[in-house]
Amino acid sequence: MLSKIRRRTATVITILAIAMLASVSALAQGGPANFSFRAIDGQTVTSESLRGEVVVLAFGASWLPLTRNQMEAVKKLADQYAGRGVAVYWVSTESDSPKSKNYVSDDQLRELGRKYKVTVLRDPDGAVAKRLGVDQLPSVMIIDKQGNAAATIGGMDPTADLGKQLAARLDKIL
């Protein structure tokens, strides 16, 4: 009797795990991407406010060694697609609570944004990134004009040209 219950429990858990993975996979490749971020300048940037534009969200953390490469690629992309209906952002997944060991102040992020000339958004502790299916840093998500997740690039090869990779994917979407 006990072994039947264990098998049924294991089957239910397996089915739930598969369903969760399928929904995360669907979101990461073609599902609706609903989000709301606070920009370092205080404004709110939402999926609704960007509807009709292609959106590039580069998720990272200021302490990551590859952040410089990611931010340079984001800046290059923003310049390359300026005026073509593409909004490009770098999203800090670091905590905004001074009590956290993962804390980064708005002033520090503002300085980072100035240095690389990119718009910085906050996603405290990566809550929105997780909900969107981003499971590693750095990662980049491209959202099409209808608000659907069109592509996700997880991780980053330090020898690859991220700007070229993103441009190739953007050109397909535009």
C-alpha atoms as a PDB file:
ATOM      1  CA  MET A   1       0.000   0.000   0.000  1.00  0.00           C
ATOM      2  CA  LEU A   2       2.744   2.430   0.964  1.00  0.00           C
ATOM      3  CA  SER A   3       4.667   1.736  -2.262  1.00  0.00           C
ATOM      4  CA  LYS A   4       1.539   2.513  -4.341  1.00  0.00           C
ATOM      5  CA  ILE A   5       1.182   5.860  -2.602  1.00  0.00           C
ATOM      6  CA  ARG A   6       4.857   6.625  -3.203  1.00  0.00           C
ATOM      7  CA  ARG A   7       4.572   5.743  -6.901  1.00  0.00           C
ATOM      8  CA  ARG A   8       1.456   7.870  -7.324  1.00  0.00           C
ATOM      9  CA  THR A   9       3.099  10.755  -5.467  1.00  0.00           C
ATOM     10  CA  ALA A  10       6.206  10.422  -7.631  1.00  0.00           C
ATOM     11  CA  THR A  11       4.037  10.380 -10.770  1.00  0.00           C
ATOM     12  CA  VAL A  12       2.134  13.497  -9.699  1.00  0.00           C
ATOM     13  CA  ILE A  13       5.378  15.319  -8.861  1.00  0.00           C
ATOM     14  CA  THR A  14       6.867  14.328 -12.226  1.00  0.00           C
ATOM     15  CA  ILE A  15       3.794  15.559 -14.104  1.00  0.00           C
ATOM     16  CA  LEU A  16       3.834  18.870 -12.212  1.00  0.00           C
ATOM     17  CA  ALA A  17       7.555  19.329 -12.876  1.00  0.00           C
ATOM     18  CA  ILE A  18       7.080  18.693 -16.603  1.00  0.00           C
ATOM     19  CA  ALA A  19       4.171  21.150 -16.719  1.00  0.00           C
ATOM     20  CA  MET A  20       6.228  23.830 -14.959  1.00  0.00           C
ATOM     21  CA  LEU A  21       9.179  23.314 -17.316  1.00  0.00           C
ATOM     22  CA  ALA A  22       6.894  23.503 -20.334  1.00  0.00           C
ATOM     23  CA  SER A  23       5.371  26.789 -19.168  1.00  0.00           C
ATOM     24  CA  VAL A  24       8.810  28.317 -18.476  1.00  0.00           C
ATOM     25  CA  SER A  25      10.039  27.126 -21.871  1.00  0.00           C
ATOM     26  CA  ALA A  26       6.959  28.566 -23.601  1.00  0.00           C
ATOM     27  CA  LEU A  27       7.526  31.921 -21.913  1.00  0.00           C
ATOM     28  CA  ALA A  28      11.203  32.006 -22.797  1.00  0.00           C
ATOM     29  CA  GLN A  29      10.420  31.325 -26.452  1.00  0.00           C
ATOM     30  CA  GLY A  30       7.233  33.023 -27.544  1.00  0.00           C
ATOM     31  CA  GLY A  31       5.030  33.596 -24.516  1.00  0.00           C
ATOM     32  CA  PRO A  32       3.813  36.945 -23.226  1.00  0.00           C
ATOM     33  CA  ALA A  33       6.412  38.891 -21.282  1.00  0.00           C
ATOM     34  CA  ASN A  34       4.744  41.021 -18.632  1.00  0.00           C
ATOM     35  CA  PHE A  35       7.047  43.113 -16.506  1.00  0.00           C
ATOM     36  CA  SER A  36       7.442  46.303 -14.551  1.00  0.00           C
ATOM     37  CA  PHE A  37      10.823  47.787 -13.642  1.00  0.00           C
ATOM     38  CA  ARG A  38      11.897  50.955 -11.888  1.00  0.00           C
ATOM     39  CA  ALA A  39      14.421  52.940 -13.872  1.00  0.00           C
ATOM     40  CA  ILE A  40      17.306  54.487 -11.955  1.00  0.00           C
ATOM     41  CA  ASP A  41      15.862  57.929 -12.791  1.00  0.00           C
ATOM     42  CA  GLY A  42      12.667  56.930 -10.942  1.00  0.00           C
ATOM     43  CA  GLN A  43      10.360  56.285 -13.898  1.00  0.00           C
ATOM     44  CA  THR A  44       8.522  52.991 -14.280  1.00  0.00           C
ATOM     45  CA  VAL A  45       9.102  50.942 -17.428  1.00  0.00           C
ATOM     46  CA  THR A  46       6.444  48.312 -18.141  1.00  0.00           C
ATOM     47  CA  SER A  47       5.689  45.822 -20.872  1.00  0.00           C
ATOM     48  CA  GLU A  48       2.525  47.810 -21.640  1.00  0.00           C
ATOM     49  CA  SER A  49       4.402  51.108 -22.003  1.00  0.00           C
ATOM     50  CA  LEU A  50       6.756  49.467 -24.529  1.00  0.00           C
ATOM     51  CA  ARG A  51       4.114  47.651 -26.593  1.00  0.00           C
ATOM     52  CA  GLY A  52       4.748  48.303 -30.284  1.00  0.00           C
ATOM     53  CA  GLU A  53       8.526  48.362 -29.823  1.00  0.00           C
ATOM     54  CA  VAL A  54      11.042  45.551 -29.886  1.00  0.00           C
ATOM     55  CA  VAL A  55      12.581  45.420 -26.401  1.00  0.00           C
ATOM     56  CA  VAL A  56      16.004  44.143 -25.412  1.00  0.00           C
ATOM     57  CA  LEU A  57      16.435  43.407 -21.700  1.00  0.00           C
ATOM     58  CA  ALA A  58      20.013  42.550 -20.720  1.00  0.00           C
ATOM     59  CA  PHE A  59      19.935  41.048 -17.215  1.00  0.00           C
ATOM     60  CA  GLY A  60      23.110  41.228 -15.163  1.00  0.00           C
ATOM     61  CA  ALA A  61      24.817  42.283 -11.972  1.00  0.00           C
ATOM     62  CA  SER A  62      27.444  44.990 -11.573  1.00  0.00           C
ATOM     63  CA  TRP A  63      29.898  42.619  -9.864  1.00  0.00           C
ATOM     64  CA  LEU A  64      29.923  40.057 -12.699  1.00  0.00           C
ATOM     65  CA  PRO A  65      33.188  39.973 -14.673  1.00  0.00           C
ATOM     66  CA  LEU A  66      31.256  39.865 -17.977  1.00  0.00           C
ATOM     67  CA  THR A  67      29.163  42.944 -17.155  1.00  0.00           C
ATOM     68  CA  ARG A  68      31.519  45.266 -19.025  1.00  0.00           C
ATOM     69  CA  ASN A  69      31.237  43.162 -22.205  1.00  0.00           C
ATOM     70  CA  GLN A  70      27.465  42.930 -21.839  1.00  0.00           C
ATOM     71  CA  MET A  71      27.038  46.667 -21.291  1.00  0.00           C
ATOM     72  CA  GLU A  72      29.289  47.538 -24.232  1.00  0.00           C
ATOM     73  CA  ALA A  73      27.199  45.236 -26.453  1.00  0.00           C
ATOM     74  CA  VAL A  74      23.979  46.806 -25.140  1.00  0.00           C
ATOM     75  CA  LYS A  75      25.291  50.306 -25.877  1.00  0.00           C
ATOM     76  CA  LYS A  76      26.404  49.302 -29.381  1.00  0.00           C
ATOM     77  CA  LEU A  77      22.996  47.758 -30.026  1.00  0.00           C
ATOM     78  CA  ALA A  78      21.137  50.832 -28.740  1.00  0.00           C
ATOM     79  CA  ASP A  79      23.194  53.040 -31.073  1.00  0.00           C
ATOM     80  CA  GLN A  80      22.833  50.698 -34.042  1.00  0.00           C
ATOM     81  CA  TYR A  81      19.042  50.436 -33.739  1.00  0.00           C
ATOM     82  CA  ALA A  82      18.270  53.999 -32.618  1.00  0.00           C
ATOM     83  CA  GLY A  83      15.166  55.294 -34.364  1.00  0.00           C
ATOM     84  CA  ARG A  84      14.097  51.828 -35.526  1.00  0.00           C
ATOM     85  CA  GLY A  85      11.585  51.041 -32.774  1.00  0.00           C
ATOM     86  CA  VAL A  86      14.000  49.130 -30.532  1.00  0.00           C
ATOM     87  CA  ALA A  87      14.243  49.902 -26.802  1.00  0.00           C
ATOM     88  CA  VAL A  88      17.406  48.606 -25.119  1.00  0.00           C
ATOM     89  CA  TYR A  89      17.907  48.341 -21.343  1.00  0.00           C
ATOM     90  CA  TRP A  90      20.385  46.876 -18.906  1.00  0.00           C
ATOM     91  CA  VAL A  91      18.598  45.367 -15.892  1.00  0.00           C
ATOM     92  CA  SER A  92      20.374  45.105 -12.538  1.00  0.00           C
ATOM     93  CA  THR A  93      19.240  42.049 -10.593  1.00  0.00           C
ATOM     94  CA  GLU A  94      20.958  43.237  -7.436  1.00  0.00           C
ATOM     95  CA  SER A  95      19.138  44.036  -4.219  1.00  0.00           C
ATOM     96  CA  ASP A  96      17.966  47.551  -3.452  1.00  0.00           C
ATOM     97  CA  SER A  97      17.932  46.812   0.289  1.00  0.00           C
ATOM     98  CA  PRO A  98      20.987  48.122   2.185  1.00  0.00           C
ATOM     99  CA  LYS A  99      20.637  45.143   4.539  1.00  0.00           C
ATOM    100  CA  SER A 100      21.334  42.649   1.748  1.00  0.00           C
ATOM    101  CA  LYS A 101      24.828  41.388   0.986  1.00  0.00           C
ATOM    102  CA  ASN A 102      23.856  41.718  -2.712  1.00  0.00           C
ATOM    103  CA  TYR A 103      23.076  45.452  -2.286  1.00  0.00           C
ATOM    104  CA  VAL A 104      23.949  48.061  -4.896  1.00  0.00           C
ATOM    105  CA  SER A 105      22.787  51.658  -4.516  1.00  0.00           C
ATOM    106  CA  ASP A 106      20.994  53.646  -7.187  1.00  0.00           C
ATOM    107  CA  ASP A 107      23.966  56.015  -7.247  1.00  0.00           C
ATOM    108  CA  GLN A 108      26.341  53.146  -8.052  1.00  0.00           C
ATOM    109  CA  LEU A 109      24.064  51.930 -10.836  1.00  0.00           C
ATOM    110  CA  ARG A 110      23.567  55.475 -12.112  1.00  0.00           C
ATOM    111  CA  GLU A 111      27.353  55.821 -12.395  1.00  0.00           C
ATOM    112  CA  LEU A 112      27.576  52.487 -14.216  1.00  0.00           C
ATOM    113  CA  GLY A 113      24.853  53.621 -16.623  1.00  0.00           C
ATOM    114  CA  ARG A 114      26.693  56.907 -17.265  1.00  0.00           C
ATOM    115  CA  LYS A 115      29.984  55.117 -17.847  1.00  0.00           C
ATOM    116  CA  TYR A 116      28.484  52.845 -20.518  1.00  0.00           C
ATOM    117  CA  LYS A 117      25.767  55.277 -21.674  1.00  0.00           C
ATOM    118  CA  VAL A 118      22.955  52.772 -21.154  1.00  0.00           C
ATOM    119  CA  THR A 119      19.573  53.007 -19.459  1.00  0.00           C
ATOM    120  CA  VAL A 120      19.614  51.009 -16.223  1.00  0.00           C
ATOM    121  CA  LEU A 121      16.527  49.393 -14.726  1.00  0.00           C
ATOM    122  CA  ARG A 122      16.196  47.687 -11.339  1.00  0.00           C
ATOM    123  CA  ASP A 123      14.926  44.178 -10.762  1.00  0.00           C
ATOM    124  CA  PRO A 124      15.614  43.738  -7.040  1.00  0.00           C
ATOM    125  CA  ASP A 125      16.931  40.266  -6.351  1.00  0.00           C
ATOM    126  CA  GLY A 126      16.033  39.161  -9.898  1.00  0.00           C
ATOM    127  CA  ALA A 127      12.344  38.592  -9.122  1.00  0.00           C
ATOM    128  CA  VAL A 128      11.057  39.644 -12.560  1.00  0.00           C
ATOM    129  CA  ALA A 129      13.937  37.885 -14.338  1.00  0.00           C
ATOM    130  CA  LYS A 130      12.991  34.619 -12.631  1.00  0.00           C
ATOM    131  CA  ARG A 131       9.332  35.074 -13.543  1.00  0.00           C
ATOM    132  CA  LEU A 132      10.359  35.627 -17.183  1.00  0.00           C
ATOM    133  CA  GLY A 133      12.349  32.386 -17.180  1.00  0.00           C
ATOM    134  CA  VAL A 134      15.823  33.934 -16.998  1.00  0.00           C
ATOM    135  CA  ASP A 135      17.835  31.358 -15.090  1.00  0.00           C
ATOM    136  CA  GLN A 136      21.412  32.620 -15.379  1.00  0.00           C
ATOM    137  CA  LEU A 137      23.368  35.845 -15.469  1.00  0.00           C
ATOM    138  CA  PRO A 138      24.231  37.510 -17.686  1.00  0.00           C
ATOM    139  CA  SER A 139      21.273  36.848 -19.994  1.00  0.00           C
ATOM    140  CA  VAL A 140      19.472  38.801 -22.672  1.00  0.00           C
ATOM    141  CA  MET A 141      15.784  38.603 -23.567  1.00  0.00           C
ATOM    142  CA  ILE A 142      14.345  40.059 -26.763  1.00  0.00           C
ATOM    143  CA  ILE A 143      10.638  40.855 -26.791  1.00  0.00           C
ATOM    144  CA  ASP A 144       8.776  41.421 -30.058  1.00  0.00           C
ATOM    145  CA  LYS A 145       6.418  44.304 -30.859  1.00  0.00           C
ATOM    146  CA  GLN A 146       3.407  42.310 -29.666  1.00  0.00           C
ATOM    147  CA  GLY A 147       4.976  41.800 -26.229  1.00  0.00           C
ATOM    148  CA  ASN A 148       6.002  38.170 -26.686  1.00  0.00           C
ATOM    149  CA  ALA A 149       9.357  36.741 -25.670  1.00  0.00           C
ATOM    150  CA  ALA A 150      11.028  36.178 -29.049  1.00  0.00           C
ATOM    151  CA  ALA A 151      14.524  35.088 -27.986  1.00  0.00           C
ATOM    152  CA  THR A 152      16.605  34.488 -24.907  1.00  0.00           C
ATOM    153  CA  ILE A 153      20.369  34.212 -24.780  1.00  0.00           C
ATOM    154  CA  GLY A 154      21.489  32.732 -21.483  1.00  0.00           C
ATOM    155  CA  GLY A 155      25.008  33.110 -20.258  1.00  0.00           C
ATOM    156  CA  MET A 156      27.703  34.755 -22.290  1.00  0.00           C
ATOM    157  CA  ASP A 157      30.766  33.548 -24.140  1.00  0.00           C
ATOM    158  CA  PRO A 158      33.511  36.062 -23.310  1.00  0.00           C
ATOM    159  CA  THR A 159      35.124  35.486 -26.718  1.00  0.00           C
ATOM    160  CA  ALA A 160      31.926  35.927 -28.763  1.00  0.00           C
ATOM    161  CA  ASP A 161      30.616  39.219 -30.083  1.00  0.00           C
ATOM    162  CA  LEU A 162      27.346  39.580 -28.166  1.00  0.00           C
ATOM    163  CA  GLY A 163      26.435  42.678 -30.207  1.00  0.00           C
ATOM    164  CA  LYS A 164      26.563  40.673 -33.448  1.00  0.00           C
ATOM    165  CA  GLN A 165      24.581  37.807 -31.934  1.00  0.00           C
ATOM    166  CA  LEU A 166      21.875  40.177 -30.764  1.00  0.00           C
ATOM    167  CA  ALA A 167      21.829  42.133 -34.039  1.00  0.00           C
ATOM    168  CA  ALA A 168      21.291  38.934 -36.009  1.00  0.00           C
ATOM    169  CA  ARG A 169      18.331  38.015 -33.825  1.00  0.00           C
ATOM    170  CA  LEU A 170      16.915  41.554 -33.907  1.00  0.00           C
ATOM    171  CA  ASP A 171      17.122  41.681 -37.700  1.00  0.00           C
ATOM    172  CA  LYS A 172      14.969  38.518 -37.871  1.00  0.00           C
ATOM    173  CA  ILE A 173      12.373  40.063 -35.562  1.00  0.00           C
ATOM    174  CA  LEU A 174      12.247  43.449 -37.267  1.00  0.00           C
END
